[in-house]
C-alpha atoms as a PDB file:
ATOM      1  CA  UNK A   1     -31.834   4.524  52.500  1.00  0.00           C
ATOM      2  CA  UNK A   2     -31.768   4.616  48.866  1.00  0.00           C
ATOM      3  CA  UNK A   3     -35.421   4.195  47.376  1.00  0.00           C
ATOM      4  CA  UNK A   4     -36.529   4.079  43.963  1.00  0.00           C
ATOM      5  CA  UNK A   5     -38.593   6.810  42.157  1.00  0.00           C
ATOM      6  CA  UNK A   6     -42.089   5.967  40.480  1.00  0.00           C
ATOM      7  CA  UNK A   7     -41.820   8.310  37.756  1.00  0.00           C
ATOM      8  CA  UNK A   8     -44.121   8.110  34.824  1.00  0.00           C
ATOM      9  CA  UNK A   9     -42.981  11.315  33.696  1.00  0.00           C
ATOM     10  CA  UNK A  10     -41.002  10.774  30.340  1.00  0.00           C
ATOM     11  CA  UNK A  11     -37.862  12.281  29.700  1.00  0.00           C
ATOM     12  CA  UNK A  12     -37.935  14.851  27.041  1.00  0.00           C
ATOM     13  CA  UNK A  13     -33.792  14.975  26.743  1.00  0.00           C
ATOM     14  CA  UNK A  14     -31.564  12.925  26.454  1.00  0.00           C
ATOM     15  CA  UNK A  15     -29.527  12.048  29.623  1.00  0.00           C
ATOM     16  CA  UNK A  16     -26.274  14.956  28.867  1.00  0.00           C
ATOM     17  CA  UNK A  17     -25.930  16.134  32.357  1.00  0.00           C
ATOM     18  CA  UNK A  18     -25.887  13.158  34.637  1.00  0.00           C
ATOM     19  CA  UNK A  19     -26.890   9.668  34.878  1.00  0.00           C
ATOM     20  CA  UNK A  20     -27.969   6.845  37.322  1.00  0.00           C
ATOM     21  CA  UNK A  21     -25.848   4.278  39.140  1.00  0.00           C
ATOM     22  CA  UNK A  22     -28.160   1.688  37.727  1.00  0.00           C
ATOM     23  CA  UNK A  23     -26.624  -0.600  40.601  1.00  0.00           C
ATOM     24  CA  UNK A  24     -27.783   1.677  43.675  1.00  0.00           C
ATOM     25  CA  UNK A  25     -30.173   4.019  41.873  1.00  0.00           C
ATOM     26  CA  UNK A  26     -27.868   6.802  42.766  1.00  0.00           C
ATOM     27  CA  UNK A  27     -27.674   9.627  40.088  1.00  0.00           C
ATOM     28  CA  UNK A  28     -24.162  10.283  39.747  1.00  0.00           C
ATOM     29  CA  UNK A  29     -22.321  13.372  37.835  1.00  0.00           C
ATOM     30  CA  UNK A  30     -20.755  12.064  35.142  1.00  0.00           C
ATOM     31  CA  UNK A  31     -21.036  14.556  32.723  1.00  0.00           C
ATOM     32  CA  UNK A  32     -19.769  15.777  29.270  1.00  0.00           C
ATOM     33  CA  UNK A  33     -19.133  19.298  30.121  1.00  0.00           C
ATOM     34  CA  UNK A  34     -15.277  18.999  30.837  1.00  0.00           C
ATOM     35  CA  UNK A  35     -14.903  17.352  27.233  1.00  0.00           C
ATOM     36  CA  UNK A  36     -17.425  19.823  25.809  1.00  0.00           C
ATOM     37  CA  UNK A  37     -15.693  22.926  26.985  1.00  0.00           C
ATOM     38  CA  UNK A  38     -12.513  21.395  25.691  1.00  0.00           C
ATOM     39  CA  UNK A  39     -13.939  20.834  22.521  1.00  0.00           C
ATOM     40  CA  UNK A  40     -15.246  23.987  21.957  1.00  0.00           C
ATOM     41  CA  UNK A  41     -12.080  26.156  23.212  1.00  0.00           C
ATOM     42  CA  UNK A  42      -9.771  24.323  20.740  1.00  0.00           C
ATOM     43  CA  UNK A  43     -12.527  25.024  18.266  1.00  0.00           C
ATOM     44  CA  UNK A  44     -12.779  28.984  18.788  1.00  0.00           C
ATOM     45  CA  UNK A  45      -8.782  28.946  19.013  1.00  0.00           C
ATOM     46  CA  UNK A  46      -8.905  27.725  15.363  1.00  0.00           C
ATOM     47  CA  UNK A  47     -10.896  30.322  13.974  1.00  0.00           C
ATOM     48  CA  UNK A  48     -14.508  28.476  14.213  1.00  0.00           C
ATOM     49  CA  UNK A  49     -17.468  30.196  15.415  1.00  0.00           C
ATOM     50  CA  UNK A  50     -19.162  28.182  18.234  1.00  0.00           C
ATOM     51  CA  UNK A  51     -23.241  28.010  19.137  1.00  0.00           C
ATOM     52  CA  UNK A  52     -23.166  25.999  22.726  1.00  0.00           C
ATOM     53  CA  UNK A  53     -26.509  24.305  24.016  1.00  0.00           C
ATOM     54  CA  UNK A  54     -28.313  23.680  20.541  1.00  0.00           C
ATOM     55  CA  UNK A  55     -31.390  21.624  20.695  1.00  0.00           C
ATOM     56  CA  UNK A  56     -31.725  21.905  24.181  1.00  0.00           C
ATOM     57  CA  UNK A  57     -28.755  20.039  25.297  1.00  0.00           C
ATOM     58  CA  UNK A  58     -26.209  21.753  27.619  1.00  0.00           C
ATOM     59  CA  UNK A  59     -22.942  19.962  26.131  1.00  0.00           C
ATOM     60  CA  UNK A  60     -23.860  19.891  22.352  1.00  0.00           C
ATOM     61  CA  UNK A  61     -22.869  22.544  20.181  1.00  0.00           C
ATOM     62  CA  UNK A  62     -22.085  23.207  16.507  1.00  0.00           C
ATOM     63  CA  UNK A  63     -18.754  24.793  15.226  1.00  0.00           C
ATOM     64  CA  UNK A  64     -18.086  26.308  11.945  1.00  0.00           C
ATOM     65  CA  UNK A  65     -16.006  27.714   9.910  1.00  0.00           C
ATOM     66  CA  UNK A  66     -16.101  28.961   6.247  1.00  0.00           C
ATOM     67  CA  UNK A  67     -19.352  30.110   3.385  1.00  0.00           C
ATOM     68  CA  UNK A  68     -20.828  28.500   0.683  1.00  0.00           C
ATOM     69  CA  UNK A  69     -21.028  24.803  -0.379  1.00  0.00           C
ATOM     70  CA  UNK A  70     -20.217  22.424  -0.157  1.00  0.00           C
ATOM     71  CA  UNK A  71     -21.696  21.932   3.121  1.00  0.00           C
ATOM     72  CA  UNK A  72     -19.451  19.244   5.393  1.00  0.00           C
ATOM     73  CA  UNK A  73     -20.673  17.795   8.667  1.00  0.00           C
ATOM     74  CA  UNK A  74     -18.572  16.065  10.498  1.00  0.00           C
ATOM     75  CA  UNK A  75     -20.425  14.359  13.732  1.00  0.00           C
ATOM     76  CA  UNK A  76     -17.942  14.320  17.099  1.00  0.00           C
ATOM     77  CA  UNK A  77     -19.403  12.098  20.003  1.00  0.00           C
ATOM     78  CA  UNK A  78     -18.610  13.003  23.419  1.00  0.00           C
ATOM     79  CA  UNK A  79     -20.199  10.384  25.333  1.00  0.00           C
ATOM     80  CA  UNK A  80     -19.183   8.102  28.450  1.00  0.00           C
ATOM     81  CA  UNK A  81     -20.213   4.942  29.964  1.00  0.00           C
ATOM     82  CA  UNK A  82     -20.923   4.002  33.379  1.00  0.00           C
ATOM     83  CA  UNK A  83     -18.638   1.129  35.195  1.00  0.00           C
ATOM     84  CA  UNK A  84     -15.858   1.500  32.320  1.00  0.00           C
ATOM     85  CA  UNK A  85     -13.313   3.546  33.932  1.00  0.00           C
ATOM     86  CA  UNK A  86      -9.964   2.188  33.314  1.00  0.00           C
ATOM     87  CA  UNK A  87      -6.490   3.595  33.737  1.00  0.00           C
ATOM     88  CA  UNK A  88      -3.954   3.375  30.891  1.00  0.00           C
ATOM     89  CA  UNK A  89      -3.166  -0.341  31.280  1.00  0.00           C
ATOM     90  CA  UNK A  90      -3.613  -3.969  29.834  1.00  0.00           C
ATOM     91  CA  UNK A  91      -5.317  -5.304  32.965  1.00  0.00           C
ATOM     92  CA  UNK A  92      -8.556  -4.326  34.395  1.00  0.00           C
ATOM     93  CA  UNK A  93      -8.057  -1.492  36.803  1.00  0.00           C
ATOM     94  CA  UNK A  94     -10.477   1.390  37.319  1.00  0.00           C
ATOM     95  CA  UNK A  95      -9.525   4.740  38.259  1.00  0.00           C
ATOM     96  CA  UNK A  96     -10.030   5.742  41.916  1.00  0.00           C
ATOM     97  CA  UNK A  97     -13.159   7.997  42.191  1.00  0.00           C
ATOM     98  CA  UNK A  98     -14.472   7.477  38.422  1.00  0.00           C
ATOM     99  CA  UNK A  99     -17.360   5.601  37.796  1.00  0.00           C
ATOM    100  CA  UNK A 100     -17.624   6.234  34.275  1.00  0.00           C
ATOM    101  CA  UNK A 101     -14.994   6.096  31.199  1.00  0.00           C
ATOM    102  CA  UNK A 102     -15.202   5.524  27.269  1.00  0.00           C
ATOM    103  CA  UNK A 103     -15.748   2.125  25.802  1.00  0.00           C
ATOM    104  CA  UNK A 104     -14.619   0.894  22.172  1.00  0.00           C
ATOM    105  CA  UNK A 105     -12.595   3.958  21.292  1.00  0.00           C
ATOM    106  CA  UNK A 106     -15.090   6.828  22.644  1.00  0.00           C
ATOM    107  CA  UNK A 107     -12.179   8.536  24.190  1.00  0.00           C
ATOM    108  CA  UNK A 108     -11.060   9.203  20.508  1.00  0.00           C
ATOM    109  CA  UNK A 109     -14.198  10.287  18.837  1.00  0.00           C
ATOM    110  CA  UNK A 110     -14.761  14.193  20.103  1.00  0.00           C
ATOM    111  CA  UNK A 111     -10.768  14.775  19.624  1.00  0.00           C
ATOM    112  CA  UNK A 112     -10.658  12.673  16.242  1.00  0.00           C
ATOM    113  CA  UNK A 113     -13.430  14.322  14.834  1.00  0.00           C
ATOM    114  CA  UNK A 114     -12.228  17.949  16.075  1.00  0.00           C
ATOM    115  CA  UNK A 115      -9.004  17.738  14.635  1.00  0.00           C
ATOM    116  CA  UNK A 116     -10.378  16.562  11.085  1.00  0.00           C
ATOM    117  CA  UNK A 117     -12.359  19.678  11.159  1.00  0.00           C
ATOM    118  CA  UNK A 118      -9.259  21.707  11.918  1.00  0.00           C
ATOM    119  CA  UNK A 119      -7.735  20.168   8.985  1.00  0.00           C
ATOM    120  CA  UNK A 120      -9.798  20.941   6.471  1.00  0.00           C
ATOM    121  CA  UNK A 121     -10.497  24.116   7.833  1.00  0.00           C
ATOM    122  CA  UNK A 122      -6.632  24.724   7.012  1.00  0.00           C
ATOM    123  CA  UNK A 123      -7.322  23.030   3.498  1.00  0.00           C
ATOM    124  CA  UNK A 124      -9.672  25.322   2.935  1.00  0.00           C
ATOM    125  CA  UNK A 125      -7.566  28.536   3.591  1.00  0.00           C
ATOM    126  CA  UNK A 126      -4.480  27.395   2.171  1.00  0.00           C
ATOM    127  CA  UNK A 127      -5.947  26.278  -1.296  1.00  0.00           C
ATOM    128  CA  UNK A 128      -8.911  29.583  -1.115  1.00  0.00           C
ATOM    129  CA  UNK A 129     -11.353  27.707  -1.569  1.00  0.00           C
ATOM    130  CA  UNK A 130     -15.187  27.841  -0.721  1.00  0.00           C
ATOM    131  CA  UNK A 131     -16.893  25.767   1.571  1.00  0.00           C
ATOM    132  CA  UNK A 132     -18.607  24.969   5.124  1.00  0.00           C
ATOM    133  CA  UNK A 133     -17.201  22.739   7.613  1.00  0.00           C
ATOM    134  CA  UNK A 134     -19.160  22.122  10.701  1.00  0.00           C
ATOM    135  CA  UNK A 135     -18.506  20.040  13.599  1.00  0.00           C
ATOM    136  CA  UNK A 136     -21.368  18.957  15.487  1.00  0.00           C
ATOM    137  CA  UNK A 137     -21.231  17.656  19.019  1.00  0.00           C
ATOM    138  CA  UNK A 138     -23.652  14.929  19.690  1.00  0.00           C
ATOM    139  CA  UNK A 139     -23.488  14.228  23.670  1.00  0.00           C
ATOM    140  CA  UNK A 140     -25.247  10.927  25.278  1.00  0.00           C
ATOM    141  CA  UNK A 141     -24.741   9.375  21.998  1.00  0.00           C
ATOM    142  CA  UNK A 142     -24.668   5.953  24.555  1.00  0.00           C
ATOM    143  CA  UNK A 143     -28.194   5.653  25.631  1.00  0.00           C
ATOM    144  CA  UNK A 144     -29.531   9.335  24.756  1.00  0.00           C
ATOM    145  CA  UNK A 145     -29.412   9.115  21.126  1.00  0.00           C
ATOM    146  CA  UNK A 146     -28.236  12.790  20.788  1.00  0.00           C
ATOM    147  CA  UNK A 147     -27.839  12.796  17.097  1.00  0.00           C
ATOM    148  CA  UNK A 148     -31.591  12.577  17.028  1.00  0.00           C
ATOM    149  CA  UNK A 149     -32.691  15.489  19.051  1.00  0.00           C
ATOM    150  CA  UNK A 150     -30.304  17.563  16.750  1.00  0.00           C
ATOM    151  CA  UNK A 151     -31.907  16.254  13.685  1.00  0.00           C
ATOM    152  CA  UNK A 152     -35.452  16.985  15.070  1.00  0.00           C
ATOM    153  CA  UNK A 153     -34.385  20.616  15.584  1.00  0.00           C
ATOM    154  CA  UNK A 154     -33.579  20.734  12.154  1.00  0.00           C
ATOM    155  CA  UNK A 155     -29.914  21.385  12.801  1.00  0.00           C
ATOM    156  CA  UNK A 156     -28.095  19.574  10.253  1.00  0.00           C
ATOM    157  CA  UNK A 157     -30.998  20.305   7.474  1.00  0.00           C
ATOM    158  CA  UNK A 158     -28.455  22.095   4.758  1.00  0.00           C
ATOM    159  CA  UNK A 159     -25.652  19.678   4.721  1.00  0.00           C
ATOM    160  CA  UNK A 160     -24.343  17.814   1.887  1.00  0.00           C
ATOM    161  CA  UNK A 161     -22.221  15.505   3.523  1.00  0.00           C
ATOM    162  CA  UNK A 162     -21.973  14.058   6.815  1.00  0.00           C
ATOM    163  CA  UNK A 163     -18.801  12.156   7.770  1.00  0.00           C
ATOM    164  CA  UNK A 164     -18.213  10.067  11.279  1.00  0.00           C
ATOM    165  CA  UNK A 165     -15.502   7.375  12.448  1.00  0.00           C
ATOM    166  CA  UNK A 166     -14.894   4.632  14.734  1.00  0.00           C
ATOM    167  CA  UNK A 167     -12.231   3.614  16.132  1.00  0.00           C
ATOM    168  CA  UNK A 168     -10.494   0.444  15.212  1.00  0.00           C
ATOM    169  CA  UNK A 169      -6.775  -1.099  14.802  1.00  0.00           C
ATOM    170  CA  UNK A 170      -6.228  -0.198  11.225  1.00  0.00           C
ATOM    171  CA  UNK A 171      -7.413   2.554   8.345  1.00  0.00           C
ATOM    172  CA  UNK A 172     -10.491   0.575   6.685  1.00  0.00           C
ATOM    173  CA  UNK A 173     -13.892   1.805   5.623  1.00  0.00           C
ATOM    174  CA  UNK A 174     -16.915  -0.427   6.582  1.00  0.00           C
ATOM    175  CA  UNK A 175     -19.625   0.410   4.130  1.00  0.00           C
ATOM    176  CA  UNK A 176     -22.499  -1.309   5.942  1.00  0.00           C
ATOM    177  CA  UNK A 177     -25.344  -0.814   8.320  1.00  0.00           C
ATOM    178  CA  UNK A 178     -25.377  -0.825  12.046  1.00  0.00           C
ATOM    179  CA  UNK A 179     -27.448  -1.984  14.768  1.00  0.00           C
ATOM    180  CA  UNK A 180     -31.045   0.206  14.943  1.00  0.00           C
ATOM    181  CA  UNK A 181     -31.816   0.297  18.054  1.00  0.00           C
ATOM    182  CA  UNK A 182     -34.539   1.083  20.832  1.00  0.00           C
ATOM    183  CA  UNK A 183     -34.457   1.353  24.475  1.00  0.00           C
ATOM    184  CA  UNK A 184     -37.202   1.316  27.283  1.00  0.00           C
ATOM    185  CA  UNK A 185     -38.068   1.301  30.834  1.00  0.00           C
ATOM    186  CA  UNK A 186     -40.717  -1.057  31.856  1.00  0.00           C
ATOM    187  CA  UNK A 187     -41.708   0.008  35.099  1.00  0.00           C
ATOM    188  CA  UNK A 188     -44.037  -2.698  37.222  1.00  0.00           C
ATOM    189  CA  UNK A 189     -46.440  -1.297  40.220  1.00  0.00           C
ATOM    190  CA  UNK A 190     -47.721  -3.545  42.611  1.00  0.00           C
ATOM    191  CA  UNK A 191     -49.307  -3.442  45.844  1.00  0.00           C
ATOM    192  CA  UNK A 192     -47.021  -2.995  49.227  1.00  0.00           C
ATOM    193  CA  UNK A 193     -47.454  -5.268  52.396  1.00  0.00           C
ATOM    194  CA  UNK A 194     -45.377  -6.789  54.994  1.00  0.00           C
ATOM    195  CA  UNK A 195     -43.853  -9.979  53.861  1.00  0.00           C
ATOM    196  CA  UNK A 196     -43.962 -11.746  57.141  1.00  0.00           C
ATOM    197  CA  UNK A 197     -47.463 -10.705  58.519  1.00  0.00           C
ATOM    198  CA  UNK A 198     -49.390 -10.440  55.729  1.00  0.00           C
ATOM    199  CA  UNK A 199     -47.890 -11.821  52.517  1.00  0.00           C
ATOM    200  CA  UNK A 200     -51.027 -12.513  51.059  1.00  0.00           C
ATOM    201  CA  UNK A 201     -52.049  -8.940  50.597  1.00  0.00           C
ATOM    202  CA  UNK A 202     -49.377  -8.032  48.268  1.00  0.00           C
ATOM    203  CA  UNK A 203     -48.390  -7.863  44.835  1.00  0.00           C
ATOM    204  CA  UNK A 204     -44.853  -7.902  44.299  1.00  0.00           C
ATOM    205  CA  UNK A 205     -43.546  -5.316  41.107  1.00  0.00           C
ATOM    206  CA  UNK A 206     -40.454  -7.227  41.536  1.00  0.00           C
ATOM    207  CA  UNK A 207     -41.864 -10.564  40.595  1.00  0.00           C
ATOM    208  CA  UNK A 208     -43.103  -8.763  37.706  1.00  0.00           C
ATOM    209  CA  UNK A 209     -39.513  -7.555  36.375  1.00  0.00           C
ATOM    210  CA  UNK A 210     -38.339 -11.184  37.419  1.00  0.00           C
ATOM    211  CA  UNK A 211     -41.146 -12.959  35.323  1.00  0.00           C
ATOM    212  CA  UNK A 212     -40.168 -10.388  32.436  1.00  0.00           C
ATOM    213  CA  UNK A 213     -36.965 -11.122  32.447  1.00  0.00           C
ATOM    214  CA  UNK A 214     -37.287 -14.827  32.813  1.00  0.00           C
ATOM    215  CA  UNK A 215     -39.432 -14.762  29.492  1.00  0.00           C
ATOM    216  CA  UNK A 216     -37.574 -12.241  27.783  1.00  0.00           C
ATOM    217  CA  UNK A 217     -34.687 -14.645  27.936  1.00  0.00           C
ATOM    218  CA  UNK A 218     -36.623 -17.653  26.293  1.00  0.00           C
ATOM    219  CA  UNK A 219     -37.252 -15.247  23.739  1.00  0.00           C
ATOM    220  CA  UNK A 220     -33.462 -15.472  22.512  1.00  0.00           C
ATOM    221  CA  UNK A 221     -33.770 -18.544  20.786  1.00  0.00           C
ATOM    222  CA  UNK A 222     -36.747 -17.469  18.521  1.00  0.00           C
ATOM    223  CA  UNK A 223     -35.135 -13.977  17.357  1.00  0.00           C
ATOM    224  CA  UNK A 224     -32.827 -13.902  14.627  1.00  0.00           C
ATOM    225  CA  UNK A 225     -29.109 -14.459  16.017  1.00  0.00           C
ATOM    226  CA  UNK A 226     -27.790 -11.211  15.306  1.00  0.00           C
ATOM    227  CA  UNK A 227     -29.971  -9.574  17.317  1.00  0.00           C
ATOM    228  CA  UNK A 228     -29.184  -8.029  20.807  1.00  0.00           C
ATOM    229  CA  UNK A 229     -31.745  -7.915  23.250  1.00  0.00           C
ATOM    230  CA  UNK A 230     -29.967  -6.317  26.812  1.00  0.00           C
ATOM    231  CA  UNK A 231     -31.631  -5.497  30.018  1.00  0.00           C
ATOM    232  CA  UNK A 232     -30.550  -4.006  33.795  1.00  0.00           C
ATOM    233  CA  UNK A 233     -32.647  -3.750  36.734  1.00  0.00           C
ATOM    234  CA  UNK A 234     -32.793  -0.350  37.654  1.00  0.00           C
ATOM    235  CA  UNK A 235     -35.158  -0.487  40.584  1.00  0.00           C
ATOM    236  CA  UNK A 236     -36.187  -3.384  42.499  1.00  0.00           C
ATOM    237  CA  UNK A 237     -37.542  -2.508  46.358  1.00  0.00           C
ATOM    238  CA  UNK A 238     -36.094  -1.275  49.415  1.00  0.00           C
ATOM    239  CA  UNK A 239     -36.070  -4.059  51.887  1.00  0.00           C
ATOM    240  CA  UNK A 240     -36.507  -7.883  51.713  1.00  0.00           C
ATOM    241  CA  UNK A 241     -39.283  -7.686  54.308  1.00  0.00           C
ATOM    242  CA  UNK A 242     -41.640  -5.673  52.258  1.00  0.00           C
ATOM    243  CA  UNK A 243     -43.308  -6.299  49.221  1.00  0.00           C
ATOM    244  CA  UNK A 244     -42.054  -3.972  46.465  1.00  0.00           C
ATOM    245  CA  UNK A 245     -44.667  -1.991  45.003  1.00  0.00           C
ATOM    246  CA  UNK A 246     -42.596  -0.526  42.240  1.00  0.00           C
ATOM    247  CA  UNK A 247     -39.916  -2.049  40.242  1.00  0.00           C
ATOM    248  CA  UNK A 248     -38.275  -1.341  37.014  1.00  0.00           C
ATOM    249  CA  UNK A 249     -35.945  -2.865  34.009  1.00  0.00           C
ATOM    250  CA  UNK A 250     -34.420  -1.147  31.055  1.00  0.00           C
ATOM    251  CA  UNK A 251     -34.077  -2.876  27.911  1.00  0.00           C
ATOM    252  CA  UNK A 252     -32.245  -2.033  24.616  1.00  0.00           C
ATOM    253  CA  UNK A 253     -33.163  -4.179  21.503  1.00  0.00           C
ATOM    254  CA  UNK A 254     -30.915  -3.857  18.513  1.00  0.00           C
ATOM    255  CA  UNK A 255     -30.796  -5.410  14.730  1.00  0.00           C
ATOM    256  CA  UNK A 256     -29.513  -4.252  11.789  1.00  0.00           C
ATOM    257  CA  UNK A 257     -33.156  -4.280  10.049  1.00  0.00           C
ATOM    258  CA  UNK A 258     -34.810  -1.733  12.039  1.00  0.00           C
ATOM    259  CA  UNK A 259     -38.172  -3.797  10.784  1.00  0.00           C
ATOM    260  CA  UNK A 260     -36.698  -6.493  12.769  1.00  0.00           C
ATOM    261  CA  UNK A 261     -35.600  -4.376  15.610  1.00  0.00           C
ATOM    262  CA  UNK A 262     -39.321  -2.801  15.896  1.00  0.00           C
ATOM    263  CA  UNK A 263     -40.932  -6.811  15.600  1.00  0.00           C
ATOM    264  CA  UNK A 264     -38.960  -8.205  18.528  1.00  0.00           C
ATOM    265  CA  UNK A 265     -39.295  -4.570  20.537  1.00  0.00           C
ATOM    266  CA  UNK A 266     -43.407  -5.150  19.845  1.00  0.00           C
ATOM    267  CA  UNK A 267     -42.987  -8.780  21.339  1.00  0.00           C
ATOM    268  CA  UNK A 268     -41.054  -7.453  24.513  1.00  0.00           C
ATOM    269  CA  UNK A 269     -43.730  -5.109  25.125  1.00  0.00           C
ATOM    270  CA  UNK A 270     -46.377  -8.352  24.995  1.00  0.00           C
ATOM    271  CA  UNK A 271     -43.957 -10.085  27.380  1.00  0.00           C
ATOM    272  CA  UNK A 272     -43.982  -7.172  29.800  1.00  0.00           C
ATOM    273  CA  UNK A 273     -47.864  -7.251  29.657  1.00  0.00           C
ATOM    274  CA  UNK A 274     -48.081 -11.131  30.305  1.00  0.00           C
ATOM    275  CA  UNK A 275     -45.377 -10.530  32.950  1.00  0.00           C
ATOM    276  CA  UNK A 276     -47.662  -8.135  35.055  1.00  0.00           C
ATOM    277  CA  UNK A 277     -51.098 -10.477  34.032  1.00  0.00           C
ATOM    278  CA  UNK A 278     -49.204 -13.391  35.461  1.00  0.00           C
ATOM    279  CA  UNK A 279     -48.170 -11.574  38.653  1.00  0.00           C
ATOM    280  CA  UNK A 280     -51.329  -9.652  39.545  1.00  0.00           C
ATOM    281  CA  UNK A 281     -49.213  -6.350  38.405  1.00  0.00           C
ATOM    282  CA  UNK A 282     -49.772  -3.326  36.388  1.00  0.00           C
ATOM    283  CA  UNK A 283     -46.927  -2.274  33.680  1.00  0.00           C
ATOM    284  CA  UNK A 284     -46.301   0.589  31.620  1.00  0.00           C
ATOM    285  CA  UNK A 285     -43.493   1.678  29.598  1.00  0.00           C
ATOM    286  CA  UNK A 286     -41.613   4.672  28.422  1.00  0.00           C
ATOM    287  CA  UNK A 287     -39.124   4.851  25.385  1.00  0.00           C
ATOM    288  CA  UNK A 288     -36.022   5.934  26.190  1.00  0.00           C
ATOM    289  CA  UNK A 289     -34.017   6.574  22.653  1.00  0.00           C
ATOM    290  CA  UNK A 290     -34.570   4.777  19.304  1.00  0.00           C
ATOM    291  CA  UNK A 291     -31.478   5.297  16.318  1.00  0.00           C
ATOM    292  CA  UNK A 292     -32.167   4.002  12.612  1.00  0.00           C
ATOM    293  CA  UNK A 293     -29.236   1.715  11.489  1.00  0.00           C
ATOM    294  CA  UNK A 294     -26.516   3.415   9.479  1.00  0.00           C
ATOM    295  CA  UNK A 295     -27.557   3.721   5.523  1.00  0.00           C
ATOM    296  CA  UNK A 296     -24.634   2.864   3.482  1.00  0.00           C
ATOM    297  CA  UNK A 297     -23.198   5.104   0.948  1.00  0.00           C
ATOM    298  CA  UNK A 298     -20.986   3.533  -1.760  1.00  0.00           C
ATOM    299  CA  UNK A 299     -19.608   6.671  -3.593  1.00  0.00           C
ATOM    300  CA  UNK A 300     -18.700   8.468  -0.366  1.00  0.00           C
ATOM    301  CA  UNK A 301     -17.386   5.264   1.186  1.00  0.00           C
ATOM    302  CA  UNK A 302     -15.275   4.965  -2.284  1.00  0.00           C
ATOM    303  CA  UNK A 303     -14.274   8.037  -2.105  1.00  0.00           C
ATOM    304  CA  UNK A 304     -13.037   7.848   1.796  1.00  0.00           C
ATOM    305  CA  UNK A 305     -11.239   4.580   0.917  1.00  0.00           C
ATOM    306  CA  UNK A 306      -9.529   5.898  -2.240  1.00  0.00           C
ATOM    307  CA  UNK A 307      -8.313   8.563   0.492  1.00  0.00           C
ATOM    308  CA  UNK A 308      -7.603   6.145   3.109  1.00  0.00           C
ATOM    309  CA  UNK A 309      -5.375   4.120   0.929  1.00  0.00           C
ATOM    310  CA  UNK A 310      -2.990   7.370  -0.137  1.00  0.00           C
ATOM    311  CA  UNK A 311      -2.533   7.712   3.831  1.00  0.00           C
ATOM    312  CA  UNK A 312      -1.357   4.087   4.516  1.00  0.00           C
ATOM    313  CA  UNK A 313      -2.302   1.777   7.134  1.00  0.00           C
ATOM    314  CA  UNK A 314      -1.205   1.949  10.853  1.00  0.00           C
ATOM    315  CA  UNK A 315       2.310   0.637  12.165  1.00  0.00           C
ATOM    316  CA  UNK A 316       2.755  -0.300  15.963  1.00  0.00           C
ATOM    317  CA  UNK A 317       6.267   0.157  17.261  1.00  0.00           C
ATOM    318  CA  UNK A 318       7.432  -2.579  19.743  1.00  0.00           C
ATOM    319  CA  UNK A 319       6.251  -1.015  22.896  1.00  0.00           C
ATOM    320  CA  UNK A 320       2.658  -0.816  21.694  1.00  0.00           C
ATOM    321  CA  UNK A 321       3.236  -4.224  20.247  1.00  0.00           C
ATOM    322  CA  UNK A 322       4.095  -5.701  23.731  1.00  0.00           C
ATOM    323  CA  UNK A 323       1.024  -3.395  25.292  1.00  0.00           C
ATOM    324  CA  UNK A 324      -1.508  -5.311  22.910  1.00  0.00           C
ATOM    325  CA  UNK A 325      -0.064  -8.743  23.853  1.00  0.00           C
ATOM    326  CA  UNK A 326      -0.371  -8.163  27.129  1.00  0.00           C
ATOM    327  CA  UNK A 327      -3.925  -7.187  27.092  1.00  0.00           C
ATOM    328  CA  UNK A 328      -4.873  -9.889  24.385  1.00  0.00           C
ATOM    329  CA  UNK A 329      -3.638 -12.170  27.299  1.00  0.00           C
ATOM    330  CA  UNK A 330      -6.493 -11.205  29.611  1.00  0.00           C
ATOM    331  CA  UNK A 331      -9.278 -11.973  27.022  1.00  0.00           C
ATOM    332  CA  UNK A 332      -9.207 -15.535  27.760  1.00  0.00           C
ATOM    333  CA  UNK A 333      -8.842 -16.319  24.071  1.00  0.00           C
ATOM    334  CA  UNK A 334      -5.270 -17.608  23.982  1.00  0.00           C
ATOM    335  CA  UNK A 335      -6.086 -20.135  21.258  1.00  0.00           C
ATOM    336  CA  UNK A 336      -7.442 -18.114  18.600  1.00  0.00           C
ATOM    337  CA  UNK A 337      -4.935 -17.396  15.628  1.00  0.00           C
ATOM    338  CA  UNK A 338      -4.747 -14.136  14.423  1.00  0.00           C
END
């Protein structure tokens, strides 16, 4: 029988080596070890020096080539998400034996950033120019905020410019804020009891979670329409005939404006406390990660836009068009005009 862990010890590092299968409570190894090792090898083979295991994260590394100014940083995310394993086909087809996969283009981030770093290195060599190019491998981006730990250690303190990218269907510059994000696990503690023989002696921690979720969902009408509130129940007891003494729910709050996001998060904390009061339980929350929204840079965006226009747009061959049409048919949006 899988049992929930009632641990109040805070996580001091982002999750890089394994994550929970939130449906069962099992801890599954879906690490970035293979992708990190492959990226390190390719960069070393291209002449970069590589410092691995930086900022206390086994799969994080910094690869560097050159010397002097400017110091150009390229961010290479190497994360995966549980529940999105997918074969290279246009319909839903999880890979057998693999829980995790890469959503919204994340399977391209590490390789694309690494390749960009190597291209810049080759340009510096060919043109006999001074400058330093660094590739920062940032693990646990989805739910771990690996970059934050690297910043805290002072790793990017001397850089002149940092570049990152996101996969899409065209070459374009999106110079606008991203979503600021803050997450926390809310842990409810109650009193266990036999649910048939002495239910009046119990105080259900799961009732606390459910009350919180109900009230949090009522908030959706009363927050800005571009705010995002997500949650999953990560622990909910062991048996229906035993009143659960511990339950946990994991929340994300997102908004472009960090101040608005923080206000919504504070309201969510108040909701958790109200839920505990109503159900006769207690609650504590642990902040898991937080990320500020991306700050636009007009000068840098203009320079990137100019070079993307020189490169030109993306073209698709007949095979790729046919694949896209089959994929589009699975979205249930056949009345949408593109």
